[in-house]
Structure formats: C-alpha cells, structure tokens
Amino acid sequence: MPRPSKPLISRSAAVAAALEIIDAEGLESFSVPRLAKHLGVQAPSLYYHFADKAELMSAIALQVIGDVSLPRRKPGPDWPEYFVTLGLNFRQGVLRHRRAAPVLLQALPRTVLLRRYEDAAQFLAASEVPAHLHIQILDGMERLTLGAVLTEAVRSPSGRATIFPNVDAASEPALTGALAANDRSSKRLYEEMIRSFLHGVVRDEPAVAPAG
C-alpha cells in the first residue's frame, strides 16, 4: 500500500496508541483500522511510518520491553545477580502490559536485540565467565524468561496459594502438600529459577571445558 506524502501522526504516537488499545481491549481486538479510528486518521496514514502490520507489531513489542531497565552492577564473581535483576525487570515490564505479552513471541525477532545481547556478552567476558558458555547462558536466559513471564502474563494474577489453582486435597494430596510447604511467591520462584539455571551452567565447568 503506498504511503501518504505527509505524516498526519508520529510513529511514537501510533505505537503508544496501539499499546493502549491492546492493554484495554486485548490483542484479539486490535487491528490497523481500529488504531486509525482511535487516532482519528485513515488507515493509509499509518503506512507512512510502517511498511505493514508486521512492522507495527514489532514496534509494539519493542515498546513493551523498552521500559526494561538494565541493572547497575559491576562485572565480577556475583555476575548471576546481574541476570537475576535483568530477568525481574523484564518480568515487571511485561506484566505491565499483560495483554500485549503474546506480541513478544509473534513480532520480536532476535536480530533487533543484538545490541543488548552484545552488552550482556561483554558483561560475561568482563566477569571472566568462559566464552564457550556465553551462548548457552544468553540463549537459555531468553528461553527461560520469555517462557516463564509470558506464561504468567496470560494467566490471572495469583498469590502463593494459587500458583496451582483448584487443587483438590483428596485427589491431589501430594500437590496439596507441596503447595502448603511452599513459601515462595510466583516472583520469588521465578527469581530462584534464574539463579538455579545460571549456577547450574557453571557448576560443572571444569569437567566440561573443551580440550586444547
């Protein structure tokens, strides 16, 4: 579709409005015509800023994670805590836009985040984490955090007692007992999951280091 000769709206205003619609009405209610109507313009006006809907959705995904702040931590032996804080910041940012969370899977190609991965790789190198573990850590962190946070985002907010809802003590006694013994919230479970992963990667490092 050809773009108009002059922009009637800004790219940032269009993305902000799109996210506002998704937050209020859900992703299933979002469309380019719906966004144009919200902004008081015709749909072709949006194509001044976006080649197609896919580009618009990528911009929305970037907006969701754009507010995720990077940890202020110096490289060193406690480097896993950098990634724990980063994971928590990511969780907080995504849960602010629960209804938009699926967009991250659909429209956020890894290539647009290469600068962030480069920064993380430099942090690992400065922390003297062996280079052959960097991709395992970075790839694993992406899979772990995206999977955990998106799963949480599409569910109703829950407390410690409702991590597994509708558990029946008679038919699920072991799970009932485990829930009673658990003293961690969903946030704390997520935090400890990241630590367990990162410490697990390096725990057996001397035994798996490549020869030569």
Protein backbone atom coordinates (compact mmCIF):
# COMPACT_ATOMS: atom_id res chain seq x y z
CA MET A 1 0.00 0.00 0.00
CA PRO A 2 1.52 3.42 -0.92
CA ARG A 3 2.39 5.76 1.89
CA PRO A 4 0.89 9.26 2.09
CA SER A 5 3.18 12.17 1.19
CA LYS A 6 2.94 13.80 4.62
CA PRO A 7 2.69 12.21 8.09
CA LEU A 8 -0.51 13.03 9.95
CA ILE A 9 0.68 11.39 13.16
CA SER A 10 4.03 10.44 14.67
CA ARG A 11 5.38 6.90 14.79
CA SER A 12 5.70 7.05 18.58
CA ALA A 13 2.10 8.25 18.96
CA ALA A 14 0.86 5.39 16.79
CA VAL A 15 2.78 2.79 18.80
CA ALA A 16 1.65 4.25 22.12
CA ALA A 17 -1.96 4.28 20.95
CA ALA A 18 -1.72 0.70 19.69
CA LEU A 19 -0.41 -0.47 23.04
CA GLU A 20 -3.16 1.47 24.80
CA ILE A 21 -5.80 -0.34 22.74
CA ILE A 22 -4.25 -3.76 23.38
CA ASP A 23 -3.94 -3.06 27.12
CA ALA A 24 -7.59 -2.04 27.32
CA GLU A 25 -9.27 -4.40 24.87
CA GLY A 26 -6.89 -7.29 24.26
CA LEU A 27 -4.77 -8.33 21.31
CA GLU A 28 -7.70 -10.03 19.59
CA SER A 29 -9.48 -6.67 19.30
CA PHE A 30 -6.54 -4.87 17.74
CA SER A 31 -6.32 -4.06 14.03
CA VAL A 32 -4.89 -1.34 11.83
CA PRO A 33 -8.36 0.12 11.11
CA ARG A 34 -9.11 0.10 14.85
CA LEU A 35 -5.88 2.01 15.52
CA ALA A 36 -6.58 4.50 12.74
CA LYS A 37 -10.04 5.18 14.14
CA HIS A 38 -8.57 5.65 17.62
CA LEU A 39 -6.13 8.22 16.23
CA GLY A 40 -8.73 9.95 14.09
CA VAL A 41 -6.98 9.24 10.79
CA GLN A 42 -7.41 6.95 7.82
CA ALA A 43 -5.58 3.62 7.82
CA PRO A 44 -3.21 4.63 4.96
CA SER A 45 -1.79 7.36 7.21
CA LEU A 46 -0.25 4.67 9.37
CA TYR A 47 1.68 3.32 6.41
CA TYR A 48 3.78 6.47 6.32
CA HIS A 49 5.56 5.04 9.37
CA PHE A 50 5.07 1.29 8.96
CA ALA A 51 5.54 -0.79 5.83
CA ASP A 52 2.91 -3.25 7.01
CA LYS A 53 1.18 -4.57 10.11
CA ALA A 54 4.15 -6.82 10.90
CA GLU A 55 6.41 -3.79 11.27
CA LEU A 56 3.84 -2.13 13.50
CA MET A 57 3.63 -5.21 15.71
CA SER A 58 7.43 -5.32 16.01
CA ALA A 59 7.37 -1.69 17.13
CA ILE A 60 4.75 -2.54 19.75
CA ALA A 61 6.90 -5.41 21.02
CA LEU A 62 9.89 -3.08 21.30
CA GLN A 63 7.73 -0.60 23.18
CA VAL A 64 6.75 -3.27 25.71
CA ILE A 65 10.37 -4.09 26.51
CA GLY A 66 11.64 -0.55 26.01
CA ASP A 67 10.98 0.35 29.62
CA VAL A 68 13.01 -2.60 30.94
CA SER A 69 15.95 -1.03 32.74
CA LEU A 70 19.41 -2.57 32.74
CA PRO A 71 20.91 -3.50 36.12
CA ARG A 72 23.58 -1.25 37.58
CA ARG A 73 26.07 -3.88 38.62
CA LYS A 74 29.78 -4.16 38.01
CA PRO A 75 31.19 -7.33 36.44
CA GLY A 76 32.53 -9.82 38.95
CA PRO A 77 32.07 -13.19 40.62
CA ASP A 78 28.45 -12.40 41.52
CA TRP A 79 27.60 -11.93 37.81
CA PRO A 80 24.48 -14.17 38.02
CA GLU A 81 22.77 -11.45 40.06
CA TYR A 82 23.01 -9.12 37.06
CA PHE A 83 20.86 -11.53 35.09
CA VAL A 84 18.52 -12.14 38.02
CA THR A 85 17.85 -8.40 38.24
CA LEU A 86 17.51 -8.15 34.47
CA GLY A 87 15.01 -11.02 34.50
CA LEU A 88 13.00 -9.37 37.26
CA ASN A 89 12.98 -6.06 35.41
CA PHE A 90 11.81 -7.86 32.27
CA ARG A 91 9.04 -9.58 34.22
CA GLN A 92 7.87 -6.29 35.71
CA GLY A 93 7.87 -4.57 32.31
CA VAL A 94 5.91 -7.30 30.56
CA LEU A 95 3.36 -7.70 33.34
CA ARG A 96 2.54 -4.01 32.99
CA HIS A 97 1.18 -4.96 29.57
CA ARG A 98 -0.19 -8.45 30.16
CA ARG A 99 -2.49 -8.41 27.15
CA ALA A 100 0.34 -7.41 24.83
CA ALA A 101 2.68 -10.13 26.06
CA PRO A 102 1.98 -12.57 23.17
CA VAL A 103 3.26 -9.91 20.75
CA LEU A 104 6.77 -10.59 22.04
CA LEU A 105 6.67 -14.11 20.66
CA GLN A 106 4.96 -13.16 17.43
CA ALA A 107 6.80 -9.99 16.48
CA LEU A 108 10.12 -9.58 18.26
CA PRO A 109 12.90 -11.05 16.13
CA ARG A 110 16.14 -11.72 17.97
CA THR A 111 18.04 -9.64 15.41
CA VAL A 112 16.60 -6.36 16.71
CA LEU A 113 18.04 -7.07 20.16
CA LEU A 114 21.61 -7.81 19.09
CA ARG A 115 22.94 -4.71 20.85
CA ARG A 116 21.51 -5.93 24.14
CA TYR A 117 22.98 -9.38 23.64
CA GLU A 118 26.35 -7.81 22.82
CA ASP A 119 26.24 -5.81 26.06
CA ALA A 120 25.40 -8.96 28.02
CA ALA A 121 28.22 -10.90 26.33
CA GLN A 122 30.66 -8.13 27.22
CA PHE A 123 29.46 -8.26 30.82
CA LEU A 124 30.04 -12.02 30.92
CA ALA A 125 33.51 -11.61 29.44
CA ALA A 126 34.40 -8.90 31.95
CA SER A 127 33.14 -11.21 34.72
CA GLU A 128 35.58 -13.89 33.44
CA VAL A 129 32.83 -16.32 32.52
CA PRO A 130 34.32 -18.74 29.92
CA ALA A 131 33.42 -17.64 26.39
CA HIS A 132 32.15 -21.07 25.36
CA LEU A 133 29.37 -20.71 27.98
CA HIS A 134 28.12 -17.32 26.80
CA ILE A 135 25.69 -18.51 24.13
CA GLN A 136 24.31 -21.19 26.45
CA ILE A 137 23.67 -18.51 29.05
CA LEU A 138 22.21 -15.91 26.68
CA ASP A 139 20.04 -18.33 24.73
CA GLY A 140 18.92 -20.07 27.90
CA MET A 141 18.04 -16.80 29.61
CA GLU A 142 15.90 -15.74 26.66
CA ARG A 143 14.02 -19.03 26.59
CA LEU A 144 13.61 -19.17 30.35
CA THR A 145 12.48 -15.59 30.89
CA LEU A 146 10.19 -15.41 27.86
CA GLY A 147 8.57 -18.74 28.67
CA ALA A 148 8.11 -18.02 32.37
CA VAL A 149 6.93 -14.43 32.04
CA LEU A 150 4.59 -14.99 29.09
CA THR A 151 3.03 -17.96 30.86
CA GLU A 152 2.46 -15.80 33.93
CA ALA A 153 1.17 -12.90 31.85
CA VAL A 154 -1.62 -14.88 30.18
CA ARG A 155 -2.85 -16.26 33.49
CA SER A 156 -4.84 -14.37 36.09
CA PRO A 157 -2.63 -12.76 38.76
CA SER A 158 -2.06 -15.28 41.53
CA GLY A 159 -0.64 -15.44 45.01
CA ARG A 160 1.41 -18.13 46.71
CA ALA A 161 -1.68 -20.20 47.46
CA THR A 162 -2.99 -20.13 43.89
CA ILE A 163 0.14 -20.99 41.87
CA PHE A 164 -1.66 -24.24 41.08
CA PRO A 165 -5.35 -23.27 41.29
CA ASN A 166 -8.26 -25.60 42.01
CA VAL A 167 -6.15 -28.34 43.57
CA ASP A 168 -8.25 -30.90 45.40
CA ALA A 169 -6.71 -32.33 48.57
CA ALA A 170 -8.48 -35.67 48.13
CA SER A 171 -7.41 -36.37 44.55
CA GLU A 172 -4.07 -34.48 44.56
CA PRO A 173 -2.69 -34.99 48.06
CA ALA A 174 0.98 -34.75 47.08
CA LEU A 175 0.48 -31.49 45.20
CA THR A 176 -1.65 -30.14 48.05
CA GLY A 177 1.15 -30.90 50.48
CA ALA A 178 3.74 -29.29 48.22
CA LEU A 179 1.66 -26.13 47.97
CA ALA A 180 1.27 -26.00 51.73
CA ALA A 181 5.03 -26.31 52.16
CA ASN A 182 5.86 -23.68 49.54
CA ASP A 183 6.60 -20.26 50.99
CA ARG A 184 7.58 -18.54 47.74
CA SER A 185 5.50 -16.24 45.57
CA SER A 186 5.46 -16.53 41.78
CA LYS A 187 8.01 -13.72 41.64
CA ARG A 188 10.34 -15.46 44.08
CA LEU A 189 10.01 -18.80 42.30
CA TYR A 190 10.95 -17.08 39.03
CA GLU A 191 13.92 -15.38 40.66
CA GLU A 192 15.23 -18.65 42.09
CA MET A 193 14.66 -20.41 38.77
CA ILE A 194 17.03 -17.96 37.08
CA ARG A 195 19.66 -18.45 39.78
CA SER A 196 19.38 -22.22 39.55
CA PHE A 197 19.85 -22.11 35.79
CA LEU A 198 22.86 -19.81 35.86
CA HIS A 199 24.66 -21.55 38.70
CA GLY A 200 23.90 -24.87 37.04
CA VAL A 201 25.60 -23.77 33.81
CA VAL A 202 28.90 -23.06 35.54
CA ARG A 203 28.72 -25.62 38.36
CA ASP A 204 30.40 -28.42 36.41
CA GLU A 205 32.53 -26.15 34.21
CA PRO A 206 35.92 -27.80 34.99
CA ALA A 207 34.52 -31.16 33.91
CA VAL A 208 33.10 -29.94 30.60
CA ALA A 209 35.69 -27.41 29.48
CA PRO A 210 36.80 -28.12 25.90
CA ALA A 211 40.25 -29.60 25.42
CA GLY A 212 43.07 -27.55 23.97
